[in-house]
Amino acid sequence: MNESQINDALFRHAFIVAMIVGTLCRFFVLRVQDKQYPSQPQDYIEQIIVAALASSLGAVALPALLDKEFSALTFLAVGIQEFQGLAQQEKITLNNIDGDDIVDRGGAYIDEIATTYEVRSYISLFSSLIASIIYIYVSKSFDASILVCIIFASLGGAIVGLIFKRILRRDSINDICDVHMAKISFDNSWLKVNDVEMQNIGLKESRQKYLEKGMAIELVPKDMSAFGIINDIGQQKAILHNIYIHFGMAKDVDERDLLSIAKTDIKEKTVLMITIPLIKDEVEFMKVAGSTPVLDTSKGKQSAYKKKPVIFK
């Protein structure tokens, strides 16, 4: 760089530190926030590679501005487009394999995963950008040593990572509902949960399996807004899928009348769910159902409920 505002040594040091800080911030949030997804080693490797690329973009932004290399900033726009493209590809992949699960995620849950997949890439970009700014500022303004610059840059990047972690934290079903175990029974061939009809089960063997191995829960919303959320079909599918990936389902693919079912009790303003898990553990069952994230798409639906001040008891 001709007549650069930053010497080569400072640029190299700031770039390396900012890139490492940005990558570590992404890795930190990935480990803490994503419990089910990504879940395989190749997914983690892919995320770290994307984080390193995003960090490199953030690390070179300030030097490019200082040297009036505005064309270099177009790489930021290209990077954002790449993040969007990766998220879209992930959405396509999840849609393609969703039909292979006994209990599918549903389109709303897939869209939530893809959106999160994209947004969390910005953690690396902005944390590395702040780390680069702080490193260069401390070095040029105070003529500080490399160690001091690294410490301040790391602190700045970590603060940005924590801010993103706070912003990206999503409410779970436990935050808006009370989860209780529910009673399973039959009225002739009608499967009932807490006396609410769920499904007509024709085979006697299937009815017996529901009674012996089935588990059911009742979601009791804390207010009318919460009821609007859990009354959303996409949200209900997300809860059932979350239960499925933790407990599996005791059925073969050709057992058509063994289902994971959700139904709204309009009278009581609650949602009832039933499935047949491989393992019966009531405490863990309620915990898993309650840990399901609240989907953004479910928040925007039935918004008139937000105006209702009714609190359920």
C-alpha atoms as a PDB file:
ATOM      1  CA  MET A   1       0.000   0.000   0.000  1.00  0.00           C
ATOM      2  CA  ASN A   2       1.434   3.352  -1.072  1.00  0.00           C
ATOM      3  CA  GLU A   3       1.541   6.072   1.593  1.00  0.00           C
ATOM      4  CA  SER A   4      -0.420   3.835   3.869  1.00  0.00           C
ATOM      5  CA  GLN A   5      -1.715   5.191   7.181  1.00  0.00           C
ATOM      6  CA  ILE A   6      -0.825   1.849   8.760  1.00  0.00           C
ATOM      7  CA  ASN A   7       2.590   0.218   8.508  1.00  0.00           C
ATOM      8  CA  ASP A   8       2.838  -3.378   7.351  1.00  0.00           C
ATOM      9  CA  ALA A   9       3.712  -4.796  10.772  1.00  0.00           C
ATOM     10  CA  LEU A  10       0.750  -3.108  12.480  1.00  0.00           C
ATOM     11  CA  PHE A  11      -1.597  -4.277   9.725  1.00  0.00           C
ATOM     12  CA  ARG A  12      -0.407  -7.880  10.000  1.00  0.00           C
ATOM     13  CA  HIS A  13      -0.664  -7.930  13.790  1.00  0.00           C
ATOM     14  CA  ALA A  14      -4.113  -6.291  13.843  1.00  0.00           C
ATOM     15  CA  PHE A  15      -5.380  -8.587  11.092  1.00  0.00           C
ATOM     16  CA  ILE A  16      -4.227 -11.797  12.776  1.00  0.00           C
ATOM     17  CA  VAL A  17      -5.522 -10.811  16.214  1.00  0.00           C
ATOM     18  CA  ALA A  18      -8.884  -9.609  14.876  1.00  0.00           C
ATOM     19  CA  MET A  19      -9.333 -12.753  12.791  1.00  0.00           C
ATOM     20  CA  ILE A  20      -8.618 -15.020  15.756  1.00  0.00           C
ATOM     21  CA  VAL A  21     -10.912 -13.021  18.062  1.00  0.00           C
ATOM     22  CA  GLY A  22     -13.773 -13.069  15.528  1.00  0.00           C
ATOM     23  CA  THR A  23     -13.456 -16.811  14.964  1.00  0.00           C
ATOM     24  CA  LEU A  24     -13.337 -17.560  18.693  1.00  0.00           C
ATOM     25  CA  CYS A  25     -16.413 -15.397  19.332  1.00  0.00           C
ATOM     26  CA  ARG A  26     -18.368 -17.391  16.762  1.00  0.00           C
ATOM     27  CA  PHE A  27     -17.123 -20.668  18.222  1.00  0.00           C
ATOM     28  CA  PHE A  28     -18.111 -19.523  21.708  1.00  0.00           C
ATOM     29  CA  VAL A  29     -21.690 -18.719  20.667  1.00  0.00           C
ATOM     30  CA  LEU A  30     -21.902 -21.898  18.579  1.00  0.00           C
ATOM     31  CA  ARG A  31     -21.065 -24.070  21.568  1.00  0.00           C
ATOM     32  CA  VAL A  32     -23.313 -22.234  24.023  1.00  0.00           C
ATOM     33  CA  GLN A  33     -26.372 -21.479  21.918  1.00  0.00           C
ATOM     34  CA  ASP A  34     -26.732 -24.387  19.479  1.00  0.00           C
ATOM     35  CA  LYS A  35     -27.691 -27.527  21.368  1.00  0.00           C
ATOM     36  CA  GLN A  36     -29.209 -29.527  18.543  1.00  0.00           C
ATOM     37  CA  TYR A  37     -27.921 -27.823  15.437  1.00  0.00           C
ATOM     38  CA  PRO A  38     -25.248 -28.067  14.116  1.00  0.00           C
ATOM     39  CA  SER A  39     -24.844 -31.496  15.632  1.00  0.00           C
ATOM     40  CA  GLN A  40     -22.252 -33.205  13.458  1.00  0.00           C
ATOM     41  CA  PRO A  41     -18.474 -32.569  13.178  1.00  0.00           C
ATOM     42  CA  GLN A  42     -18.653 -31.436   9.552  1.00  0.00           C
ATOM     43  CA  ASP A  43     -21.221 -28.793  10.475  1.00  0.00           C
ATOM     44  CA  TYR A  44     -18.911 -27.387  13.137  1.00  0.00           C
ATOM     45  CA  ILE A  45     -15.980 -27.350  10.709  1.00  0.00           C
ATOM     46  CA  GLU A  46     -18.078 -25.531   8.125  1.00  0.00           C
ATOM     47  CA  GLN A  47     -19.160 -22.929  10.690  1.00  0.00           C
ATOM     48  CA  ILE A  48     -15.583 -22.279  11.821  1.00  0.00           C
ATOM     49  CA  ILE A  49     -14.395 -21.853   8.212  1.00  0.00           C
ATOM     50  CA  VAL A  50     -17.218 -19.392   7.518  1.00  0.00           C
ATOM     51  CA  ALA A  51     -16.377 -17.596  10.778  1.00  0.00           C
ATOM     52  CA  ALA A  52     -12.728 -17.269   9.726  1.00  0.00           C
ATOM     53  CA  LEU A  53     -13.733 -15.794   6.357  1.00  0.00           C
ATOM     54  CA  ALA A  54     -16.168 -13.371   8.009  1.00  0.00           C
ATOM     55  CA  SER A  55     -13.494 -12.365  10.524  1.00  0.00           C
ATOM     56  CA  SER A  56     -11.014 -11.629   7.750  1.00  0.00           C
ATOM     57  CA  LEU A  57     -13.543  -9.292   6.112  1.00  0.00           C
ATOM     58  CA  GLY A  58     -14.058  -7.416   9.370  1.00  0.00           C
ATOM     59  CA  ALA A  59     -10.329  -7.249  10.041  1.00  0.00           C
ATOM     60  CA  VAL A  60      -9.454  -5.474   6.776  1.00  0.00           C
ATOM     61  CA  ALA A  61     -12.342  -2.968   6.820  1.00  0.00           C
ATOM     62  CA  LEU A  62     -10.630  -0.250   8.893  1.00  0.00           C
ATOM     63  CA  PRO A  63      -7.262  -0.378   7.081  1.00  0.00           C
ATOM     64  CA  ALA A  64      -9.129  -0.135   3.779  1.00  0.00           C
ATOM     65  CA  LEU A  65     -11.015   2.951   4.968  1.00  0.00           C
ATOM     66  CA  LEU A  66      -7.900   4.630   6.339  1.00  0.00           C
ATOM     67  CA  ASP A  67      -6.101   4.123   3.023  1.00  0.00           C
ATOM     68  CA  LYS A  68      -9.186   5.216   1.057  1.00  0.00           C
ATOM     69  CA  GLU A  69      -9.368   1.823  -0.643  1.00  0.00           C
ATOM     70  CA  PHE A  70     -13.124   2.016  -0.888  1.00  0.00           C
ATOM     71  CA  SER A  71     -13.295  -0.674  -3.554  1.00  0.00           C
ATOM     72  CA  ALA A  72     -12.042  -3.154  -0.966  1.00  0.00           C
ATOM     73  CA  LEU A  73     -15.174  -2.561   1.071  1.00  0.00           C
ATOM     74  CA  THR A  74     -17.243  -4.131  -1.677  1.00  0.00           C
ATOM     75  CA  PHE A  75     -15.974  -7.432  -0.290  1.00  0.00           C
ATOM     76  CA  LEU A  76     -18.179  -6.779   2.738  1.00  0.00           C
ATOM     77  CA  ALA A  77     -21.243  -6.704   0.516  1.00  0.00           C
ATOM     78  CA  VAL A  78     -20.050  -9.833  -1.272  1.00  0.00           C
ATOM     79  CA  GLY A  79     -19.504 -11.518   2.089  1.00  0.00           C
ATOM     80  CA  ILE A  80     -23.020 -10.679   3.249  1.00  0.00           C
ATOM     81  CA  GLN A  81     -24.404 -12.123   0.026  1.00  0.00           C
ATOM     82  CA  GLU A  82     -22.385 -15.271   0.649  1.00  0.00           C
ATOM     83  CA  PHE A  83     -23.839 -15.580   4.156  1.00  0.00           C
ATOM     84  CA  GLN A  84     -27.318 -15.268   2.698  1.00  0.00           C
ATOM     85  CA  GLY A  85     -26.495 -17.852   0.048  1.00  0.00           C
ATOM     86  CA  LEU A  86     -25.221 -20.341   2.627  1.00  0.00           C
ATOM     87  CA  ALA A  87     -28.352 -19.858   4.721  1.00  0.00           C
ATOM     88  CA  GLN A  88     -30.540 -20.403   1.666  1.00  0.00           C
ATOM     89  CA  GLN A  89     -28.633 -23.552   0.763  1.00  0.00           C
ATOM     90  CA  GLU A  90     -29.016 -24.836   4.316  1.00  0.00           C
ATOM     91  CA  LYS A  91     -32.750 -24.173   4.101  1.00  0.00           C
ATOM     92  CA  ILE A  92     -32.981 -26.152   0.861  1.00  0.00           C
ATOM     93  CA  THR A  93     -31.030 -29.045   2.378  1.00  0.00           C
ATOM     94  CA  LEU A  94     -33.197 -29.170   5.485  1.00  0.00           C
ATOM     95  CA  ASN A  95     -36.367 -29.063   3.387  1.00  0.00           C
ATOM     96  CA  ASN A  96     -35.068 -31.946   1.268  1.00  0.00           C
ATOM     97  CA  ILE A  97     -34.349 -34.217   4.235  1.00  0.00           C
ATOM     98  CA  ASP A  98     -37.278 -33.150   6.406  1.00  0.00           C
ATOM     99  CA  GLY A  99     -39.562 -35.770   4.896  1.00  0.00           C
ATOM    100  CA  ASP A 100     -37.212 -38.525   6.058  1.00  0.00           C
ATOM    101  CA  ASP A 101     -37.913 -37.828   9.745  1.00  0.00           C
ATOM    102  CA  ILE A 102     -40.771 -39.629  11.459  1.00  0.00           C
ATOM    103  CA  VAL A 103     -41.703 -36.283  13.021  1.00  0.00           C
ATOM    104  CA  ASP A 104     -40.804 -33.441  10.655  1.00  0.00           C
ATOM    105  CA  ARG A 105     -39.537 -30.024  11.676  1.00  0.00           C
ATOM    106  CA  GLY A 106     -42.000 -28.053   9.629  1.00  0.00           C
ATOM    107  CA  GLY A 107     -41.303 -25.078   7.389  1.00  0.00           C
ATOM    108  CA  ALA A 108     -41.375 -22.506  10.197  1.00  0.00           C
ATOM    109  CA  TYR A 109     -38.675 -24.275  12.214  1.00  0.00           C
ATOM    110  CA  ILE A 110     -36.497 -24.721   9.123  1.00  0.00           C
ATOM    111  CA  ASP A 111     -36.816 -21.022   8.306  1.00  0.00           C
ATOM    112  CA  GLU A 112     -35.807 -20.173  11.883  1.00  0.00           C
ATOM    113  CA  ILE A 113     -32.699 -22.374  11.643  1.00  0.00           C
ATOM    114  CA  ALA A 114     -31.674 -20.870   8.303  1.00  0.00           C
ATOM    115  CA  THR A 115     -32.122 -17.307   9.559  1.00  0.00           C
ATOM    116  CA  THR A 116     -30.064 -18.025  12.672  1.00  0.00           C
ATOM    117  CA  TYR A 117     -27.470 -19.715  10.477  1.00  0.00           C
ATOM    118  CA  GLU A 118     -27.035 -16.450   8.564  1.00  0.00           C
ATOM    119  CA  VAL A 119     -27.234 -13.933  11.419  1.00  0.00           C
ATOM    120  CA  ARG A 120     -24.645 -15.656  13.579  1.00  0.00           C
ATOM    121  CA  SER A 121     -22.065 -15.274  10.818  1.00  0.00           C
ATOM    122  CA  TYR A 122     -22.178 -11.532  11.518  1.00  0.00           C
ATOM    123  CA  ILE A 123     -20.851 -12.168  15.014  1.00  0.00           C
ATOM    124  CA  SER A 124     -17.420 -12.926  13.574  1.00  0.00           C
ATOM    125  CA  LEU A 125     -17.520  -9.983  11.180  1.00  0.00           C
ATOM    126  CA  PHE A 126     -18.402  -7.318  13.748  1.00  0.00           C
ATOM    127  CA  SER A 127     -16.319  -8.687  16.621  1.00  0.00           C
ATOM    128  CA  SER A 128     -13.239  -8.816  14.373  1.00  0.00           C
ATOM    129  CA  LEU A 129     -14.016  -5.314  13.087  1.00  0.00           C
ATOM    130  CA  ILE A 130     -14.128  -3.921  16.627  1.00  0.00           C
ATOM    131  CA  ALA A 131     -11.016  -5.863  17.615  1.00  0.00           C
ATOM    132  CA  SER A 132      -9.161  -4.450  14.594  1.00  0.00           C
ATOM    133  CA  ILE A 133     -10.292  -0.879  15.362  1.00  0.00           C
ATOM    134  CA  ILE A 134      -9.229  -1.125  19.007  1.00  0.00           C
ATOM    135  CA  TYR A 135      -5.884  -2.749  18.186  1.00  0.00           C
ATOM    136  CA  ILE A 136      -4.959  -0.060  15.649  1.00  0.00           C
ATOM    137  CA  TYR A 137      -6.255   2.799  17.816  1.00  0.00           C
ATOM    138  CA  VAL A 138      -4.389   1.683  20.952  1.00  0.00           C
ATOM    139  CA  SER A 139      -1.196   1.063  19.004  1.00  0.00           C
ATOM    140  CA  LYS A 140      -1.177   4.412  17.137  1.00  0.00           C
ATOM    141  CA  SER A 141      -2.560   6.613  19.923  1.00  0.00           C
ATOM    142  CA  PHE A 142      -0.603   5.259  22.897  1.00  0.00           C
ATOM    143  CA  ASP A 143       2.309   3.509  21.186  1.00  0.00           C
ATOM    144  CA  ALA A 144       1.390   0.483  23.280  1.00  0.00           C
ATOM    145  CA  SER A 145       3.138  -2.858  23.140  1.00  0.00           C
ATOM    146  CA  ILE A 146       1.775  -5.780  21.156  1.00  0.00           C
ATOM    147  CA  LEU A 147       0.616  -7.535  24.331  1.00  0.00           C
ATOM    148  CA  VAL A 148      -1.386  -4.519  25.519  1.00  0.00           C
ATOM    149  CA  CYS A 149      -2.973  -4.114  22.085  1.00  0.00           C
ATOM    150  CA  ILE A 150      -3.923  -7.803  22.038  1.00  0.00           C
ATOM    151  CA  ILE A 151      -5.521  -7.558  25.491  1.00  0.00           C
ATOM    152  CA  PHE A 152      -7.641  -4.511  24.633  1.00  0.00           C
ATOM    153  CA  ALA A 153      -8.594  -5.869  21.201  1.00  0.00           C
ATOM    154  CA  SER A 154      -9.623  -9.204  22.709  1.00  0.00           C
ATOM    155  CA  LEU A 155     -11.726  -7.481  25.364  1.00  0.00           C
ATOM    156  CA  GLY A 156     -13.458  -5.346  22.747  1.00  0.00           C
ATOM    157  CA  GLY A 157     -14.193  -8.332  20.512  1.00  0.00           C
ATOM    158  CA  ALA A 158     -15.436 -10.366  23.485  1.00  0.00           C
ATOM    159  CA  ILE A 159     -17.824  -7.574  24.520  1.00  0.00           C
ATOM    160  CA  VAL A 160     -19.277  -7.478  20.999  1.00  0.00           C
ATOM    161  CA  GLY A 161     -19.655 -11.272  21.101  1.00  0.00           C
ATOM    162  CA  LEU A 162     -21.489 -11.068  24.441  1.00  0.00           C
ATOM    163  CA  ILE A 163     -23.770  -8.329  23.113  1.00  0.00           C
ATOM    164  CA  PHE A 164     -24.652 -10.496  20.111  1.00  0.00           C
ATOM    165  CA  LYS A 165     -25.218 -13.469  22.386  1.00  0.00           C
ATOM    166  CA  ARG A 166     -27.649 -11.402  24.435  1.00  0.00           C
ATOM    167  CA  ILE A 167     -29.447 -10.051  21.380  1.00  0.00           C
ATOM    168  CA  LEU A 168     -29.736 -13.461  19.732  1.00  0.00           C
ATOM    169  CA  ARG A 169     -31.026 -15.188  22.839  1.00  0.00           C
ATOM    170  CA  ARG A 170     -34.466 -16.574  22.112  1.00  0.00           C
ATOM    171  CA  ASP A 171     -37.262 -17.238  24.562  1.00  0.00           C
ATOM    172  CA  SER A 172     -38.195 -20.862  25.089  1.00  0.00           C
ATOM    173  CA  ILE A 173     -41.573 -22.464  25.714  1.00  0.00           C
ATOM    174  CA  ASN A 174     -40.731 -22.536  29.435  1.00  0.00           C
ATOM    175  CA  ASP A 175     -40.620 -18.734  29.406  1.00  0.00           C
ATOM    176  CA  ILE A 176     -44.194 -18.383  28.180  1.00  0.00           C
ATOM    177  CA  CYS A 177     -45.919 -21.589  29.339  1.00  0.00           C
ATOM    178  CA  ASP A 178     -46.217 -24.029  32.202  1.00  0.00           C
ATOM    179  CA  VAL A 179     -45.677 -27.605  31.051  1.00  0.00           C
ATOM    180  CA  HIS A 180     -47.616 -30.407  32.792  1.00  0.00           C
ATOM    181  CA  MET A 181     -47.967 -34.123  32.178  1.00  0.00           C
ATOM    182  CA  ALA A 182     -51.400 -35.084  30.863  1.00  0.00           C
ATOM    183  CA  LYS A 183     -53.615 -38.166  31.150  1.00  0.00           C
ATOM    184  CA  ILE A 184     -54.043 -40.558  28.214  1.00  0.00           C
ATOM    185  CA  SER A 185     -57.300 -42.475  27.832  1.00  0.00           C
ATOM    186  CA  PHE A 186     -59.640 -43.954  25.226  1.00  0.00           C
ATOM    187  CA  ASP A 187     -63.362 -43.602  24.626  1.00  0.00           C
ATOM    188  CA  ASN A 188     -64.014 -46.598  22.422  1.00  0.00           C
ATOM    189  CA  SER A 189     -61.579 -45.919  19.574  1.00  0.00           C
ATOM    190  CA  TRP A 190     -61.098 -42.211  20.276  1.00  0.00           C
ATOM    191  CA  LEU A 191     -57.719 -41.303  21.754  1.00  0.00           C
ATOM    192  CA  LYS A 192     -58.104 -38.648  24.454  1.00  0.00           C
ATOM    193  CA  VAL A 193     -55.665 -36.464  26.357  1.00  0.00           C
ATOM    194  CA  ASN A 194     -57.226 -34.853  29.421  1.00  0.00           C
ATOM    195  CA  ASP A 195     -60.644 -35.726  27.979  1.00  0.00           C
ATOM    196  CA  VAL A 196     -59.903 -33.878  24.716  1.00  0.00           C
ATOM    197  CA  GLU A 197     -60.343 -36.038  21.604  1.00  0.00           C
ATOM    198  CA  MET A 198     -57.093 -36.259  19.637  1.00  0.00           C
ATOM    199  CA  GLN A 199     -57.435 -39.009  17.017  1.00  0.00           C
ATOM    200  CA  ASN A 200     -59.477 -42.041  16.051  1.00  0.00           C
ATOM    201  CA  ILE A 201     -57.250 -45.088  16.546  1.00  0.00           C
ATOM    202  CA  GLY A 202     -58.718 -48.165  14.870  1.00  0.00           C
ATOM    203  CA  LEU A 203     -56.317 -50.965  15.795  1.00  0.00           C
ATOM    204  CA  LYS A 204     -56.564 -52.445  19.262  1.00  0.00           C
ATOM    205  CA  GLU A 205     -52.798 -53.064  19.336  1.00  0.00           C
ATOM    206  CA  SER A 206     -52.136 -49.385  18.615  1.00  0.00           C
ATOM    207  CA  ARG A 207     -54.515 -48.282  21.368  1.00  0.00           C
ATOM    208  CA  GLN A 208     -52.717 -50.546  23.805  1.00  0.00           C
ATOM    209  CA  LYS A 209     -49.367 -49.105  22.760  1.00  0.00           C
ATOM    210  CA  TYR A 210     -50.563 -45.562  23.415  1.00  0.00           C
ATOM    211  CA  LEU A 211     -51.745 -46.569  26.883  1.00  0.00           C
ATOM    212  CA  GLU A 212     -48.584 -48.473  27.791  1.00  0.00           C
ATOM    213  CA  LYS A 213     -45.844 -46.380  26.182  1.00  0.00           C
ATOM    214  CA  GLY A 214     -47.441 -43.072  25.252  1.00  0.00           C
ATOM    215  CA  MET A 215     -46.662 -39.775  26.975  1.00  0.00           C
ATOM    216  CA  ALA A 216     -48.702 -36.585  26.835  1.00  0.00           C
ATOM    217  CA  ILE A 217     -48.220 -33.020  28.016  1.00  0.00           C
ATOM    218  CA  GLU A 218     -50.378 -29.951  28.403  1.00  0.00           C
ATOM    219  CA  LEU A 219     -48.980 -26.499  27.641  1.00  0.00           C
ATOM    220  CA  VAL A 220     -50.684 -23.873  29.785  1.00  0.00           C
ATOM    221  CA  PRO A 221     -49.860 -20.353  28.504  1.00  0.00           C
ATOM    222  CA  LYS A 222     -49.100 -17.601  31.004  1.00  0.00           C
ATOM    223  CA  ASP A 223     -51.111 -15.021  29.062  1.00  0.00           C
ATOM    224  CA  MET A 224     -53.126 -14.592  25.883  1.00  0.00           C
ATOM    225  CA  SER A 225     -50.088 -13.592  23.846  1.00  0.00           C
ATOM    226  CA  ALA A 226     -48.409 -16.861  24.791  1.00  0.00           C
ATOM    227  CA  PHE A 227     -51.543 -18.748  23.759  1.00  0.00           C
ATOM    228  CA  GLY A 228     -51.334 -17.119  20.337  1.00  0.00           C
ATOM    229  CA  ILE A 229     -47.772 -18.439  20.012  1.00  0.00           C
ATOM    230  CA  ILE A 230     -48.407 -22.056  21.004  1.00  0.00           C
ATOM    231  CA  ASN A 231     -51.624 -22.108  18.957  1.00  0.00           C
ATOM    232  CA  ASP A 232     -49.464 -21.664  15.850  1.00  0.00           C
ATOM    233  CA  ILE A 233     -49.068 -24.905  13.887  1.00  0.00           C
ATOM    234  CA  GLY A 234     -45.416 -24.214  13.078  1.00  0.00           C
ATOM    235  CA  GLN A 235     -44.628 -23.766  16.769  1.00  0.00           C
ATOM    236  CA  GLN A 236     -46.433 -26.988  17.647  1.00  0.00           C
ATOM    237  CA  LYS A 237     -44.461 -28.900  15.016  1.00  0.00           C
ATOM    238  CA  ALA A 238     -41.219 -27.480  16.401  1.00  0.00           C
ATOM    239  CA  ILE A 239     -42.062 -28.730  19.914  1.00  0.00           C
ATOM    240  CA  LEU A 240     -43.005 -32.210  18.677  1.00  0.00           C
ATOM    241  CA  HIS A 241     -39.813 -32.408  16.604  1.00  0.00           C
ATOM    242  CA  ASN A 242     -37.713 -31.289  19.553  1.00  0.00           C
ATOM    243  CA  ILE A 243     -39.233 -34.101  21.624  1.00  0.00           C
ATOM    244  CA  TYR A 244     -38.621 -36.555  18.799  1.00  0.00           C
ATOM    245  CA  ILE A 245     -34.918 -35.784  18.339  1.00  0.00           C
ATOM    246  CA  HIS A 246     -34.351 -36.303  22.068  1.00  0.00           C
ATOM    247  CA  PHE A 247     -36.554 -39.348  22.692  1.00  0.00           C
ATOM    248  CA  GLY A 248     -37.165 -40.880  19.287  1.00  0.00           C
ATOM    249  CA  MET A 249     -40.484 -42.576  18.584  1.00  0.00           C
ATOM    250  CA  ALA A 250     -41.438 -46.200  19.195  1.00  0.00           C
ATOM    251  CA  LYS A 251     -42.923 -46.952  15.778  1.00  0.00           C
ATOM    252  CA  ASP A 252     -42.030 -48.385  12.421  1.00  0.00           C
ATOM    253  CA  VAL A 253     -42.566 -46.438   9.223  1.00  0.00           C
ATOM    254  CA  ASP A 254     -45.577 -48.553   8.224  1.00  0.00           C
ATOM    255  CA  GLU A 255     -47.466 -48.017  11.499  1.00  0.00           C
ATOM    256  CA  ARG A 256     -49.686 -45.254  10.161  1.00  0.00           C
ATOM    257  CA  ASP A 257     -51.903 -44.839  13.218  1.00  0.00           C
ATOM    258  CA  LEU A 258     -49.024 -44.159  15.635  1.00  0.00           C
ATOM    259  CA  LEU A 259     -48.526 -40.411  15.471  1.00  0.00           C
ATOM    260  CA  SER A 260     -47.159 -37.428  17.335  1.00  0.00           C
ATOM    261  CA  ILE A 261     -50.241 -35.254  17.684  1.00  0.00           C
ATOM    262  CA  ALA A 262     -50.856 -31.693  18.885  1.00  0.00           C
ATOM    263  CA  LYS A 263     -54.300 -30.210  19.423  1.00  0.00           C
ATOM    264  CA  THR A 264     -55.552 -26.939  20.853  1.00  0.00           C
ATOM    265  CA  ASP A 265     -58.165 -27.006  23.592  1.00  0.00           C
ATOM    266  CA  ILE A 266     -60.058 -23.862  22.608  1.00  0.00           C
ATOM    267  CA  LYS A 267     -62.218 -23.930  25.719  1.00  0.00           C
ATOM    268  CA  GLU A 268     -59.324 -24.056  28.201  1.00  0.00           C
ATOM    269  CA  LYS A 269     -56.900 -22.117  25.956  1.00  0.00           C
ATOM    270  CA  THR A 270     -54.222 -24.794  26.255  1.00  0.00           C
ATOM    271  CA  VAL A 271     -52.374 -27.074  23.842  1.00  0.00           C
ATOM    272  CA  LEU A 272     -52.201 -30.853  24.302  1.00  0.00           C
ATOM    273  CA  MET A 273     -49.522 -33.082  22.777  1.00  0.00           C
ATOM    274  CA  ILE A 274     -49.011 -36.822  22.695  1.00  0.00           C
ATOM    275  CA  THR A 275     -46.292 -39.104  21.317  1.00  0.00           C
ATOM    276  CA  ILE A 276     -44.831 -42.553  21.920  1.00  0.00           C
ATOM    277  CA  PRO A 277     -41.170 -42.078  22.911  1.00  0.00           C
ATOM    278  CA  LEU A 278     -38.573 -44.814  23.066  1.00  0.00           C
ATOM    279  CA  ILE A 279     -37.792 -43.867  26.674  1.00  0.00           C
ATOM    280  CA  LYS A 280     -40.329 -42.827  29.311  1.00  0.00           C
ATOM    281  CA  ASP A 281     -38.955 -40.106  31.557  1.00  0.00           C
ATOM    282  CA  GLU A 282     -41.572 -37.583  32.633  1.00  0.00           C
ATOM    283  CA  VAL A 283     -39.174 -35.010  34.095  1.00  0.00           C
ATOM    284  CA  GLU A 284     -36.897 -34.985  31.055  1.00  0.00           C
ATOM    285  CA  PHE A 285     -39.904 -35.090  28.727  1.00  0.00           C
ATOM    286  CA  MET A 286     -41.318 -31.857  30.164  1.00  0.00           C
ATOM    287  CA  LYS A 287     -37.871 -30.282  30.225  1.00  0.00           C
ATOM    288  CA  VAL A 288     -37.243 -30.994  26.542  1.00  0.00           C
ATOM    289  CA  ALA A 289     -40.667 -29.713  25.475  1.00  0.00           C
ATOM    290  CA  GLY A 290     -40.122 -26.543  27.493  1.00  0.00           C
ATOM    291  CA  SER A 291     -36.657 -25.957  26.003  1.00  0.00           C
ATOM    292  CA  THR A 292     -38.007 -25.584  22.459  1.00  0.00           C
ATOM    293  CA  PRO A 293     -37.286 -22.076  21.165  1.00  0.00           C
ATOM    294  CA  VAL A 294     -40.149 -19.693  20.450  1.00  0.00           C
ATOM    295  CA  LEU A 295     -40.193 -19.168  16.690  1.00  0.00           C
ATOM    296  CA  ASP A 296     -40.224 -15.654  15.302  1.00  0.00           C
ATOM    297  CA  THR A 297     -42.923 -16.624  12.810  1.00  0.00           C
ATOM    298  CA  SER A 298     -45.264 -17.673  15.610  1.00  0.00           C
ATOM    299  CA  LYS A 299     -44.841 -14.329  17.393  1.00  0.00           C
ATOM    300  CA  GLY A 300     -46.262 -12.384  14.486  1.00  0.00           C
ATOM    301  CA  LYS A 301     -49.431 -14.444  14.168  1.00  0.00           C
ATOM    302  CA  GLN A 302     -52.667 -13.968  16.085  1.00  0.00           C
ATOM    303  CA  SER A 303     -51.256 -10.627  17.240  1.00  0.00           C
ATOM    304  CA  ALA A 304     -54.636  -9.446  18.549  1.00  0.00           C
ATOM    305  CA  TYR A 305     -54.034 -11.712  21.550  1.00  0.00           C
ATOM    306  CA  LYS A 306     -51.333  -9.287  22.716  1.00  0.00           C
ATOM    307  CA  LYS A 307     -54.051  -6.754  23.500  1.00  0.00           C
ATOM    308  CA  LYS A 308     -55.741  -9.139  25.908  1.00  0.00           C
ATOM    309  CA  PRO A 309     -54.667  -8.635  29.520  1.00  0.00           C
ATOM    310  CA  VAL A 310     -56.044 -11.996  30.680  1.00  0.00           C
ATOM    311  CA  ILE A 311     -53.626 -13.987  32.827  1.00  0.00           C
ATOM    312  CA  PHE A 312     -54.155 -17.724  33.091  1.00  0.00           C
ATOM    313  CA  LYS A 313     -54.162 -19.274  36.549  1.00  0.00           C
END
